[in-house]
Amino acid sequence: MSSIGRSGRDLRRLAGRIGARLAGAVFVLWAVATVTFFAVRLIPGDPAQAYLGGPGSQASAEALERVREQYGLDQPLLVQYLAQLVRLVQGDLGESASLRTPVAQVLAEQLGGTLILATASLAVAWLLALGLAVWSTRGGRVSAALGSAVELVAASLPQFWLATVLITLFSTWLGWLPPVSTGDAFGLILPVLTLAIPVAGFLAQVMREPLLDAGSAPFAVSAAARGESTTGLLLRHGLRHAAVPAVNLSGWAFGYLISGAVVVETIFARPGLGRTLLQAVTVRDVPVVTGVVLSSAVAYVVVMFLADLAAELLDPRDRIRRSGS
């Protein structure tokens, strides 16, 4: 009976956590849609011009008026906002004002490139951060000081400046890599490094202290007494201990990478959501702007959930605390 009651409590606790996360996700998406709607309206210019070629199209007043009536742009702002929320709830992202194609189609064509860029950048950032953290904690005082300085510098590098340096070094001087996207793996290297290096600095900073603590923790002392090598302690205990805070940070890092795609995709002429968003903002294509921002928010929410799940699996203390509560 007690096991049945415990299972029921665990199920209720799990259902409560899932419900809370779903409610939080809905709130985030509503907030993103709301902020995006009003922020785009604050951009100077007439949104009706996006349907007639964008700013500078020299469309006649009669043509602009017809577009406003057709798409409801002559309605009060609150009415337009509520109408957009209704469409979004129904899963209707609308039609691009400048491309005259469904926004869902635009996202389907561009989302893959950005997700590949962000995912590859996060993986490379993890590899760089692990190497830097291990080196700075296992190489003595000089390595610790240099590692700390490298982490700080890497985390503070602006993306546009880093991209310029990488292009100058690897494309202009050495000629090893293309300065723009070529559609293959070589064209992905410089954009990935541009996004990964600053993130690696942040991840290495949060990994270093747990690695140091793991070296003197009771479980490490016990394992060393049983004859465990230094490498074994690092691989079997230290890295897992250090990975927990870095995994928690990975959700934020993925959102940072998605937002950084705006700069990186523009600099490297790489197709993706970043360039699409920039072009849509330029011509005030409200449906595309809303669709890109919402899809990015969905990706962020999903990755945050996966990061929390991974952190819980890596750290059994969370499960012990929850089971005992």
C-alpha atoms as a PDB file:
ATOM      1  CA  MET A   1       0.000   0.000   0.000  1.00  0.00           C
ATOM      2  CA  SER A   2       2.818   2.351   0.853  1.00  0.00           C
ATOM      3  CA  SER A   3       4.521   1.690  -2.499  1.00  0.00           C
ATOM      4  CA  ILE A   4       1.246   2.401  -4.304  1.00  0.00           C
ATOM      5  CA  GLY A   5       0.849   5.646  -2.383  1.00  0.00           C
ATOM      6  CA  ARG A   6       4.421   6.630  -3.130  1.00  0.00           C
ATOM      7  CA  SER A   7       3.911   5.921  -6.835  1.00  0.00           C
ATOM      8  CA  GLY A   8       0.773   8.053  -6.804  1.00  0.00           C
ATOM      9  CA  ARG A   9       2.632  10.929  -5.198  1.00  0.00           C
ATOM     10  CA  ASP A  10       5.436  10.608  -7.746  1.00  0.00           C
ATOM     11  CA  LEU A  11       2.939  10.674 -10.599  1.00  0.00           C
ATOM     12  CA  ARG A  12       1.181  13.733  -9.176  1.00  0.00           C
ATOM     13  CA  ARG A  13       4.519  15.446  -8.653  1.00  0.00           C
ATOM     14  CA  LEU A  14       5.555  14.647 -12.235  1.00  0.00           C
ATOM     15  CA  ALA A  15       2.200  15.844 -13.582  1.00  0.00           C
ATOM     16  CA  GLY A  16       2.538  19.048 -11.593  1.00  0.00           C
ATOM     17  CA  ARG A  17       6.021  19.690 -12.937  1.00  0.00           C
ATOM     18  CA  ILE A  18       4.930  19.056 -16.511  1.00  0.00           C
ATOM     19  CA  GLY A  19       1.882  21.282 -16.060  1.00  0.00           C
ATOM     20  CA  ALA A  20       4.022  24.064 -14.622  1.00  0.00           C
ATOM     21  CA  ARG A  21       6.437  23.829 -17.523  1.00  0.00           C
ATOM     22  CA  LEU A  22       3.633  23.880 -20.090  1.00  0.00           C
ATOM     23  CA  ALA A  23       2.082  26.915 -18.401  1.00  0.00           C
ATOM     24  CA  GLY A  24       5.470  28.619 -18.380  1.00  0.00           C
ATOM     25  CA  ALA A  25       5.976  27.807 -22.059  1.00  0.00           C
ATOM     26  CA  VAL A  26       2.562  29.247 -22.965  1.00  0.00           C
ATOM     27  CA  PHE A  27       3.342  32.410 -20.998  1.00  0.00           C
ATOM     28  CA  VAL A  28       6.733  32.791 -22.713  1.00  0.00           C
ATOM     29  CA  LEU A  29       5.190  32.399 -26.172  1.00  0.00           C
ATOM     30  CA  TRP A  30       2.414  34.886 -25.357  1.00  0.00           C
ATOM     31  CA  ALA A  31       4.944  37.399 -24.009  1.00  0.00           C
ATOM     32  CA  VAL A  32       7.171  36.975 -27.079  1.00  0.00           C
ATOM     33  CA  ALA A  33       4.236  37.407 -29.460  1.00  0.00           C
ATOM     34  CA  THR A  34       3.039  40.502 -27.584  1.00  0.00           C
ATOM     35  CA  VAL A  35       6.417  42.209 -27.344  1.00  0.00           C
ATOM     36  CA  THR A  36       7.177  41.429 -30.991  1.00  0.00           C
ATOM     37  CA  PHE A  37       3.842  42.807 -32.207  1.00  0.00           C
ATOM     38  CA  PHE A  38       4.189  46.154 -30.461  1.00  0.00           C
ATOM     39  CA  ALA A  39       7.957  46.461 -31.043  1.00  0.00           C
ATOM     40  CA  VAL A  40       7.539  46.112 -34.808  1.00  0.00           C
ATOM     41  CA  ARG A  41       4.768  48.722 -34.737  1.00  0.00           C
ATOM     42  CA  LEU A  42       7.191  51.171 -33.101  1.00  0.00           C
ATOM     43  CA  ILE A  43       9.494  51.054 -36.144  1.00  0.00           C
ATOM     44  CA  PRO A  44       8.962  54.242 -38.167  1.00  0.00           C
ATOM     45  CA  GLY A  45       7.036  53.729 -41.394  1.00  0.00           C
ATOM     46  CA  ASP A  46       3.798  52.256 -42.681  1.00  0.00           C
ATOM     47  CA  PRO A  47       3.469  48.445 -42.364  1.00  0.00           C
ATOM     48  CA  ALA A  48       1.204  48.483 -45.449  1.00  0.00           C
ATOM     49  CA  GLN A  49       4.250  49.324 -47.568  1.00  0.00           C
ATOM     50  CA  ALA A  50       5.621  45.812 -46.965  1.00  0.00           C
ATOM     51  CA  TYR A  51       2.838  44.465 -49.197  1.00  0.00           C
ATOM     52  CA  LEU A  52       3.761  46.871 -51.980  1.00  0.00           C
ATOM     53  CA  GLY A  53       7.523  46.438 -52.151  1.00  0.00           C
ATOM     54  CA  GLY A  54       8.700  47.835 -48.833  1.00  0.00           C
ATOM     55  CA  PRO A  55       9.837  51.349 -47.859  1.00  0.00           C
ATOM     56  CA  GLY A  56      10.698  53.470 -50.846  1.00  0.00           C
ATOM     57  CA  SER A  57       8.259  51.697 -53.134  1.00  0.00           C
ATOM     58  CA  GLN A  58       6.520  55.026 -53.877  1.00  0.00           C
ATOM     59  CA  ALA A  59       3.139  53.328 -53.717  1.00  0.00           C
ATOM     60  CA  SER A  60       0.152  55.577 -54.213  1.00  0.00           C
ATOM     61  CA  ALA A  61      -2.077  56.600 -51.337  1.00  0.00           C
ATOM     62  CA  GLU A  62      -4.979  54.704 -52.909  1.00  0.00           C
ATOM     63  CA  ALA A  63      -2.951  51.471 -53.103  1.00  0.00           C
ATOM     64  CA  LEU A  64      -1.827  51.827 -49.498  1.00  0.00           C
ATOM     65  CA  GLU A  65      -5.407  52.383 -48.371  1.00  0.00           C
ATOM     66  CA  ARG A  66      -6.601  49.270 -50.188  1.00  0.00           C
ATOM     67  CA  VAL A  67      -3.876  47.203 -48.509  1.00  0.00           C
ATOM     68  CA  ARG A  68      -4.787  48.569 -45.078  1.00  0.00           C
ATOM     69  CA  GLU A  69      -8.419  47.605 -45.585  1.00  0.00           C
ATOM     70  CA  GLN A  70      -7.576  44.166 -47.005  1.00  0.00           C
ATOM     71  CA  TYR A  71      -5.262  43.160 -44.148  1.00  0.00           C
ATOM     72  CA  GLY A  72      -7.007  44.986 -41.312  1.00  0.00           C
ATOM     73  CA  LEU A  73      -4.233  47.532 -40.837  1.00  0.00           C
ATOM     74  CA  ASP A  74      -6.825  50.306 -40.645  1.00  0.00           C
ATOM     75  CA  GLN A  75      -8.238  48.820 -37.446  1.00  0.00           C
ATOM     76  CA  PRO A  76      -7.237  50.075 -33.979  1.00  0.00           C
ATOM     77  CA  LEU A  77      -3.957  48.626 -32.739  1.00  0.00           C
ATOM     78  CA  LEU A  78      -5.647  46.611 -29.988  1.00  0.00           C
ATOM     79  CA  VAL A  79      -8.009  45.005 -32.510  1.00  0.00           C
ATOM     80  CA  GLN A  80      -5.056  44.055 -34.721  1.00  0.00           C
ATOM     81  CA  TYR A  81      -3.238  42.577 -31.726  1.00  0.00           C
ATOM     82  CA  LEU A  82      -6.198  40.463 -30.615  1.00  0.00           C
ATOM     83  CA  ALA A  83      -6.787  39.275 -34.174  1.00  0.00           C
ATOM     84  CA  GLN A  84      -3.168  38.158 -34.389  1.00  0.00           C
ATOM     85  CA  LEU A  85      -3.413  36.279 -31.085  1.00  0.00           C
ATOM     86  CA  VAL A  86      -6.495  34.437 -32.353  1.00  0.00           C
ATOM     87  CA  ARG A  87      -4.670  33.440 -35.526  1.00  0.00           C
ATOM     88  CA  LEU A  88      -1.644  32.246 -33.569  1.00  0.00           C
ATOM     89  CA  VAL A  89      -3.795  30.158 -31.228  1.00  0.00           C
ATOM     90  CA  GLN A  90      -5.305  28.541 -34.315  1.00  0.00           C
ATOM     91  CA  GLY A  91      -1.820  27.777 -35.629  1.00  0.00           C
ATOM     92  CA  ASP A  92      -2.074  30.297 -38.460  1.00  0.00           C
ATOM     93  CA  LEU A  93       1.152  32.271 -38.867  1.00  0.00           C
ATOM     94  CA  GLY A  94      -0.256  34.148 -41.834  1.00  0.00           C
ATOM     95  CA  GLU A  95       1.352  35.109 -45.104  1.00  0.00           C
ATOM     96  CA  SER A  96       4.581  36.988 -45.627  1.00  0.00           C
ATOM     97  CA  ALA A  97       3.865  40.564 -46.638  1.00  0.00           C
ATOM     98  CA  SER A  98       6.995  40.883 -48.777  1.00  0.00           C
ATOM     99  CA  LEU A  99       7.404  37.335 -50.132  1.00  0.00           C
ATOM    100  CA  ARG A 100       3.679  36.568 -50.567  1.00  0.00           C
ATOM    101  CA  THR A 101       4.201  33.005 -49.329  1.00  0.00           C
ATOM    102  CA  PRO A 102       2.950  31.361 -46.121  1.00  0.00           C
ATOM    103  CA  VAL A 103       5.124  32.162 -43.136  1.00  0.00           C
ATOM    104  CA  ALA A 104       5.176  28.474 -42.220  1.00  0.00           C
ATOM    105  CA  GLN A 105       6.820  27.740 -45.575  1.00  0.00           C
ATOM    106  CA  VAL A 106       9.411  30.475 -45.033  1.00  0.00           C
ATOM    107  CA  LEU A 107      10.255  29.046 -41.614  1.00  0.00           C
ATOM    108  CA  ALA A 108      10.454  25.499 -42.938  1.00  0.00           C
ATOM    109  CA  GLU A 109      12.980  26.608 -45.556  1.00  0.00           C
ATOM    110  CA  GLN A 110      15.176  28.593 -43.142  1.00  0.00           C
ATOM    111  CA  LEU A 111      14.830  26.890 -39.758  1.00  0.00           C
ATOM    112  CA  GLY A 112      17.042  23.910 -40.552  1.00  0.00           C
ATOM    113  CA  GLY A 113      20.107  26.004 -41.357  1.00  0.00           C
ATOM    114  CA  THR A 114      19.880  27.976 -38.131  1.00  0.00           C
ATOM    115  CA  LEU A 115      19.308  24.888 -35.982  1.00  0.00           C
ATOM    116  CA  ILE A 116      22.326  23.181 -37.562  1.00  0.00           C
ATOM    117  CA  LEU A 117      24.437  26.276 -36.918  1.00  0.00           C
ATOM    118  CA  ALA A 118      23.279  26.647 -33.303  1.00  0.00           C
ATOM    119  CA  THR A 119      23.561  22.940 -32.470  1.00  0.00           C
ATOM    120  CA  ALA A 120      27.028  22.606 -34.002  1.00  0.00           C
ATOM    121  CA  SER A 121      28.141  25.773 -32.201  1.00  0.00           C
ATOM    122  CA  LEU A 122      26.890  24.451 -28.859  1.00  0.00           C
ATOM    123  CA  ALA A 123      28.705  21.127 -29.379  1.00  0.00           C
ATOM    124  CA  VAL A 124      31.970  22.880 -30.286  1.00  0.00           C
ATOM    125  CA  ALA A 125      31.555  25.261 -27.338  1.00  0.00           C
ATOM    126  CA  TRP A 126      31.221  22.273 -25.008  1.00  0.00           C
ATOM    127  CA  LEU A 127      34.386  20.657 -26.394  1.00  0.00           C
ATOM    128  CA  LEU A 128      36.355  23.898 -26.092  1.00  0.00           C
ATOM    129  CA  ALA A 129      35.034  24.551 -22.587  1.00  0.00           C
ATOM    130  CA  LEU A 130      35.837  21.046 -21.358  1.00  0.00           C
ATOM    131  CA  GLY A 131      39.364  21.235 -22.704  1.00  0.00           C
ATOM    132  CA  LEU A 132      39.922  24.689 -21.241  1.00  0.00           C
ATOM    133  CA  ALA A 133      38.459  23.779 -17.857  1.00  0.00           C
ATOM    134  CA  VAL A 134      40.493  20.570 -17.553  1.00  0.00           C
ATOM    135  CA  TRP A 135      43.679  22.324 -18.605  1.00  0.00           C
ATOM    136  CA  SER A 136      43.197  25.224 -16.192  1.00  0.00           C
ATOM    137  CA  THR A 137      42.438  22.945 -13.212  1.00  0.00           C
ATOM    138  CA  ARG A 138      45.043  20.245 -13.856  1.00  0.00           C
ATOM    139  CA  GLY A 139      48.012  22.212 -15.178  1.00  0.00           C
ATOM    140  CA  GLY A 140      49.142  24.101 -12.076  1.00  0.00           C
ATOM    141  CA  ARG A 141      49.030  27.735 -11.058  1.00  0.00           C
ATOM    142  CA  VAL A 142      50.249  29.125 -14.375  1.00  0.00           C
ATOM    143  CA  SER A 143      47.642  27.162 -16.304  1.00  0.00           C
ATOM    144  CA  ALA A 144      44.966  28.245 -13.845  1.00  0.00           C
ATOM    145  CA  ALA A 145      45.848  31.921 -14.291  1.00  0.00           C
ATOM    146  CA  LEU A 146      46.081  31.671 -18.070  1.00  0.00           C
ATOM    147  CA  GLY A 147      42.904  29.603 -18.276  1.00  0.00           C
ATOM    148  CA  SER A 148      40.987  32.143 -16.217  1.00  0.00           C
ATOM    149  CA  ALA A 149      42.198  34.956 -18.469  1.00  0.00           C
ATOM    150  CA  VAL A 150      41.294  33.043 -21.640  1.00  0.00           C
ATOM    151  CA  GLU A 151      37.803  32.299 -20.288  1.00  0.00           C
ATOM    152  CA  LEU A 152      37.197  35.951 -19.472  1.00  0.00           C
ATOM    153  CA  VAL A 153      38.454  37.198 -22.832  1.00  0.00           C
ATOM    154  CA  ALA A 154      36.546  34.578 -24.812  1.00  0.00           C
ATOM    155  CA  ALA A 155      33.286  35.309 -23.005  1.00  0.00           C
ATOM    156  CA  SER A 156      33.564  39.040 -23.714  1.00  0.00           C
ATOM    157  CA  LEU A 157      34.396  38.890 -27.425  1.00  0.00           C
ATOM    158  CA  PRO A 158      31.807  40.628 -29.642  1.00  0.00           C
ATOM    159  CA  GLN A 159      30.589  38.358 -32.418  1.00  0.00           C
ATOM    160  CA  PHE A 160      31.026  40.854 -35.246  1.00  0.00           C
ATOM    161  CA  TRP A 161      34.621  41.558 -34.186  1.00  0.00           C
ATOM    162  CA  LEU A 162      35.445  37.875 -33.753  1.00  0.00           C
ATOM    163  CA  ALA A 163      33.961  37.076 -37.167  1.00  0.00           C
ATOM    164  CA  THR A 164      36.114  39.782 -38.767  1.00  0.00           C
ATOM    165  CA  VAL A 165      39.265  38.446 -37.104  1.00  0.00           C
ATOM    166  CA  LEU A 166      38.521  34.848 -38.134  1.00  0.00           C
ATOM    167  CA  ILE A 167      37.809  35.850 -41.739  1.00  0.00           C
ATOM    168  CA  THR A 168      40.985  37.915 -41.892  1.00  0.00           C
ATOM    169  CA  LEU A 169      43.116  35.126 -40.417  1.00  0.00           C
ATOM    170  CA  PHE A 170      41.727  31.974 -42.013  1.00  0.00           C
ATOM    171  CA  SER A 171      40.361  33.362 -45.278  1.00  0.00           C
ATOM    172  CA  THR A 172      42.431  36.399 -46.250  1.00  0.00           C
ATOM    173  CA  TRP A 173      45.867  35.519 -44.843  1.00  0.00           C
ATOM    174  CA  LEU A 174      45.937  31.717 -44.780  1.00  0.00           C
ATOM    175  CA  GLY A 175      43.312  30.984 -47.428  1.00  0.00           C
ATOM    176  CA  TRP A 176      42.211  27.839 -45.605  1.00  0.00           C
ATOM    177  CA  LEU A 177      38.486  28.530 -45.251  1.00  0.00           C
ATOM    178  CA  PRO A 178      35.870  30.401 -47.332  1.00  0.00           C
ATOM    179  CA  PRO A 179      34.787  33.804 -45.988  1.00  0.00           C
ATOM    180  CA  VAL A 180      31.117  33.120 -46.803  1.00  0.00           C
ATOM    181  CA  SER A 181      28.830  30.131 -46.588  1.00  0.00           C
ATOM    182  CA  THR A 182      29.419  27.576 -49.338  1.00  0.00           C
ATOM    183  CA  GLY A 183      26.750  25.071 -48.359  1.00  0.00           C
ATOM    184  CA  ASP A 184      29.269  22.456 -47.183  1.00  0.00           C
ATOM    185  CA  ALA A 185      31.130  21.658 -43.960  1.00  0.00           C
ATOM    186  CA  PHE A 186      34.003  24.046 -44.748  1.00  0.00           C
ATOM    187  CA  GLY A 187      31.609  26.958 -45.044  1.00  0.00           C
ATOM    188  CA  LEU A 188      30.222  26.132 -41.597  1.00  0.00           C
ATOM    189  CA  ILE A 189      33.517  26.224 -39.677  1.00  0.00           C
ATOM    190  CA  LEU A 190      33.994  29.984 -39.308  1.00  0.00           C
ATOM    191  CA  PRO A 191      30.339  30.737 -38.394  1.00  0.00           C
ATOM    192  CA  VAL A 192      30.424  27.952 -35.807  1.00  0.00           C
ATOM    193  CA  LEU A 193      33.659  29.213 -34.258  1.00  0.00           C
ATOM    194  CA  THR A 194      32.296  32.760 -34.163  1.00  0.00           C
ATOM    195  CA  LEU A 195      29.326  31.615 -32.096  1.00  0.00           C
ATOM    196  CA  ALA A 196      31.084  28.893 -30.091  1.00  0.00           C
ATOM    197  CA  ILE A 197      34.107  30.742 -28.685  1.00  0.00           C
ATOM    198  CA  PRO A 198      32.205  33.253 -26.479  1.00  0.00           C
ATOM    199  CA  VAL A 199      29.865  30.513 -25.239  1.00  0.00           C
ATOM    200  CA  ALA A 200      32.861  28.289 -24.460  1.00  0.00           C
ATOM    201  CA  GLY A 201      34.230  31.054 -22.228  1.00  0.00           C
ATOM    202  CA  PHE A 202      31.010  31.117 -20.171  1.00  0.00           C
ATOM    203  CA  LEU A 203      30.774  27.323 -19.953  1.00  0.00           C
ATOM    204  CA  ALA A 204      34.413  26.940 -18.919  1.00  0.00           C
ATOM    205  CA  GLN A 205      33.916  29.456 -16.124  1.00  0.00           C
ATOM    206  CA  VAL A 206      31.052  27.472 -14.590  1.00  0.00           C
ATOM    207  CA  MET A 207      32.897  24.148 -15.064  1.00  0.00           C
ATOM    208  CA  ARG A 208      36.156  25.132 -13.369  1.00  0.00           C
ATOM    209  CA  GLU A 209      34.980  25.419  -9.761  1.00  0.00           C
ATOM    210  CA  PRO A 210      33.041  22.107  -9.751  1.00  0.00           C
ATOM    211  CA  LEU A 211      36.112  20.400 -11.210  1.00  0.00           C
ATOM    212  CA  LEU A 212      38.268  21.784  -8.423  1.00  0.00           C
ATOM    213  CA  ASP A 213      35.698  20.779  -5.796  1.00  0.00           C
ATOM    214  CA  ALA A 214      35.415  17.280  -7.253  1.00  0.00           C
ATOM    215  CA  GLY A 215      39.126  16.700  -6.788  1.00  0.00           C
ATOM    216  CA  SER A 216      38.871  17.036  -3.006  1.00  0.00           C
ATOM    217  CA  ALA A 217      35.365  15.634  -2.525  1.00  0.00           C
ATOM    218  CA  PRO A 218      34.887  12.529  -0.311  1.00  0.00           C
ATOM    219  CA  PHE A 219      33.940  10.349  -3.278  1.00  0.00           C
ATOM    220  CA  ALA A 220      37.160  11.314  -5.075  1.00  0.00           C
ATOM    221  CA  VAL A 221      39.269  10.618  -1.981  1.00  0.00           C
ATOM    222  CA  SER A 222      37.622   7.209  -1.581  1.00  0.00           C
ATOM    223  CA  ALA A 223      38.117   6.372  -5.253  1.00  0.00           C
ATOM    224  CA  ALA A 224      41.782   7.399  -5.070  1.00  0.00           C
ATOM    225  CA  ALA A 225      42.250   5.199  -1.996  1.00  0.00           C
ATOM    226  CA  ARG A 226      40.907   2.270  -4.009  1.00  0.00           C
ATOM    227  CA  GLY A 227      43.606   2.861  -6.595  1.00  0.00           C
ATOM    228  CA  GLU A 228      41.726   4.997  -9.123  1.00  0.00           C
ATOM    229  CA  SER A 229      44.075   6.905 -11.413  1.00  0.00           C
ATOM    230  CA  THR A 230      43.979  10.672 -11.858  1.00  0.00           C
ATOM    231  CA  THR A 231      42.591  10.250 -15.359  1.00  0.00           C
ATOM    232  CA  GLY A 232      39.942   7.851 -14.091  1.00  0.00           C
ATOM    233  CA  LEU A 233      38.894  10.284 -11.385  1.00  0.00           C
ATOM    234  CA  LEU A 234      38.553  13.021 -13.982  1.00  0.00           C
ATOM    235  CA  LEU A 235      36.595  10.987 -16.512  1.00  0.00           C
ATOM    236  CA  ARG A 236      34.336   9.036 -14.137  1.00  0.00           C
ATOM    237  CA  HIS A 237      33.698  11.606 -11.424  1.00  0.00           C
ATOM    238  CA  GLY A 238      35.085  15.076 -12.117  1.00  0.00           C
ATOM    239  CA  LEU A 239      33.564  15.721 -15.536  1.00  0.00           C
ATOM    240  CA  ARG A 240      30.135  14.515 -14.457  1.00  0.00           C
ATOM    241  CA  HIS A 241      30.291  16.770 -11.404  1.00  0.00           C
ATOM    242  CA  ALA A 242      31.342  19.755 -13.545  1.00  0.00           C
ATOM    243  CA  ALA A 243      28.808  19.074 -16.283  1.00  0.00           C
ATOM    244  CA  VAL A 244      25.734  19.766 -14.130  1.00  0.00           C
ATOM    245  CA  PRO A 245      26.032  23.591 -13.931  1.00  0.00           C
ATOM    246  CA  ALA A 246      27.181  23.737 -17.555  1.00  0.00           C
ATOM    247  CA  VAL A 247      24.159  21.732 -18.687  1.00  0.00           C
ATOM    248  CA  ASN A 248      21.910  24.114 -16.748  1.00  0.00           C
ATOM    249  CA  LEU A 249      23.578  26.974 -18.607  1.00  0.00           C
ATOM    250  CA  SER A 250      23.213  25.274 -21.994  1.00  0.00           C
ATOM    251  CA  GLY A 251      19.562  26.278 -22.304  1.00  0.00           C
ATOM    252  CA  TRP A 252      20.524  29.939 -22.041  1.00  0.00           C
ATOM    253  CA  ALA A 253      23.488  29.298 -24.355  1.00  0.00           C
ATOM    254  CA  PHE A 254      21.249  27.876 -27.070  1.00  0.00           C
ATOM    255  CA  GLY A 255      19.024  30.953 -26.913  1.00  0.00           C
ATOM    256  CA  TYR A 256      22.139  33.108 -27.146  1.00  0.00           C
ATOM    257  CA  LEU A 257      23.262  31.156 -30.215  1.00  0.00           C
ATOM    258  CA  ILE A 258      19.880  31.521 -31.904  1.00  0.00           C
ATOM    259  CA  SER A 259      19.926  35.286 -31.344  1.00  0.00           C
ATOM    260  CA  GLY A 260      23.551  35.481 -32.451  1.00  0.00           C
ATOM    261  CA  ALA A 261      22.584  33.885 -35.747  1.00  0.00           C
ATOM    262  CA  VAL A 262      21.236  37.280 -36.852  1.00  0.00           C
ATOM    263  CA  VAL A 263      24.760  38.711 -36.872  1.00  0.00           C
ATOM    264  CA  VAL A 264      26.640  35.602 -37.976  1.00  0.00           C
ATOM    265  CA  GLU A 265      24.328  34.624 -40.831  1.00  0.00           C
ATOM    266  CA  THR A 266      24.458  38.177 -42.152  1.00  0.00           C
ATOM    267  CA  ILE A 267      28.257  38.420 -41.992  1.00  0.00           C
ATOM    268  CA  PHE A 268      28.855  35.017 -43.584  1.00  0.00           C
ATOM    269  CA  ALA A 269      25.942  35.296 -46.069  1.00  0.00           C
ATOM    270  CA  ARG A 270      24.481  32.109 -44.654  1.00  0.00           C
ATOM    271  CA  PRO A 271      20.762  31.350 -45.148  1.00  0.00           C
ATOM    272  CA  GLY A 272      18.746  30.952 -41.976  1.00  0.00           C
ATOM    273  CA  LEU A 273      16.339  32.556 -39.565  1.00  0.00           C
ATOM    274  CA  GLY A 274      18.791  35.311 -38.651  1.00  0.00           C
ATOM    275  CA  ARG A 275      19.052  36.783 -42.136  1.00  0.00           C
ATOM    276  CA  THR A 276      15.332  36.219 -42.688  1.00  0.00           C
ATOM    277  CA  LEU A 277      14.536  38.173 -39.515  1.00  0.00           C
ATOM    278  CA  LEU A 278      16.821  41.047 -40.459  1.00  0.00           C
ATOM    279  CA  GLN A 279      15.293  41.327 -43.926  1.00  0.00           C
ATOM    280  CA  ALA A 280      11.766  41.116 -42.515  1.00  0.00           C
ATOM    281  CA  VAL A 281      12.433  43.890 -39.991  1.00  0.00           C
ATOM    282  CA  THR A 282      13.917  46.070 -42.727  1.00  0.00           C
ATOM    283  CA  VAL A 283      10.740  45.884 -44.810  1.00  0.00           C
ATOM    284  CA  ARG A 284       8.399  45.705 -41.766  1.00  0.00           C
ATOM    285  CA  ASP A 285       7.140  42.241 -42.694  1.00  0.00           C
ATOM    286  CA  VAL A 286       5.247  41.710 -39.424  1.00  0.00           C
ATOM    287  CA  PRO A 287       4.039  38.113 -40.051  1.00  0.00           C
ATOM    288  CA  VAL A 288       7.569  36.882 -40.813  1.00  0.00           C
ATOM    289  CA  VAL A 289       9.065  38.729 -37.833  1.00  0.00           C
ATOM    290  CA  THR A 290       6.465  37.205 -35.542  1.00  0.00           C
ATOM    291  CA  GLY A 291       6.950  33.728 -36.996  1.00  0.00           C
ATOM    292  CA  VAL A 292      10.745  33.822 -36.703  1.00  0.00           C
ATOM    293  CA  VAL A 293      10.697  35.102 -33.134  1.00  0.00           C
ATOM    294  CA  LEU A 294       8.047  32.596 -32.054  1.00  0.00           C
ATOM    295  CA  SER A 295       9.861  29.653 -33.640  1.00  0.00           C
ATOM    296  CA  SER A 296      13.059  30.742 -31.892  1.00  0.00           C
ATOM    297  CA  ALA A 297      11.163  30.954 -28.607  1.00  0.00           C
ATOM    298  CA  VAL A 298       9.766  27.446 -29.096  1.00  0.00           C
ATOM    299  CA  ALA A 299      13.257  26.100 -29.779  1.00  0.00           C
ATOM    300  CA  TYR A 300      14.533  27.850 -26.639  1.00  0.00           C
ATOM    301  CA  VAL A 301      11.743  26.420 -24.463  1.00  0.00           C
ATOM    302  CA  VAL A 302      12.345  22.890 -25.767  1.00  0.00           C
ATOM    303  CA  VAL A 303      16.103  23.102 -25.206  1.00  0.00           C
ATOM    304  CA  MET A 304      15.586  24.496 -21.696  1.00  0.00           C
ATOM    305  CA  PHE A 305      13.374  21.530 -20.873  1.00  0.00           C
ATOM    306  CA  LEU A 306      15.925  19.065 -22.262  1.00  0.00           C
ATOM    307  CA  ALA A 307      18.734  20.803 -20.376  1.00  0.00           C
ATOM    308  CA  ASP A 308      16.838  20.563 -17.093  1.00  0.00           C
ATOM    309  CA  LEU A 309      16.124  16.881 -17.740  1.00  0.00           C
ATOM    310  CA  ALA A 310      19.769  16.181 -18.566  1.00  0.00           C
ATOM    311  CA  ALA A 311      20.933  18.020 -15.432  1.00  0.00           C
ATOM    312  CA  GLU A 312      18.608  15.910 -13.303  1.00  0.00           C
ATOM    313  CA  LEU A 313      19.885  12.695 -14.860  1.00  0.00           C
ATOM    314  CA  LEU A 314      23.487  13.761 -14.319  1.00  0.00           C
ATOM    315  CA  ASP A 315      22.945  14.803 -10.695  1.00  0.00           C
ATOM    316  CA  PRO A 316      21.202  12.072  -8.675  1.00  0.00           C
ATOM    317  CA  ARG A 317      20.968  14.409  -5.685  1.00  0.00           C
ATOM    318  CA  ASP A 318      18.024  16.147  -7.362  1.00  0.00           C
ATOM    319  CA  ARG A 319      16.111  12.882  -7.565  1.00  0.00           C
ATOM    320  CA  ILE A 320      16.953  12.062  -3.954  1.00  0.00           C
ATOM    321  CA  ARG A 321      15.713  15.460  -2.774  1.00  0.00           C
ATOM    322  CA  ARG A 322      12.485  15.129  -4.770  1.00  0.00           C
ATOM    323  CA  SER A 323      11.822  11.564  -3.636  1.00  0.00           C
ATOM    324  CA  GLY A 324      12.379  12.522  -0.047  1.00  0.00           C
ATOM    325  CA  SER A 325      10.116  15.569  -0.219  1.00  0.00           C
END
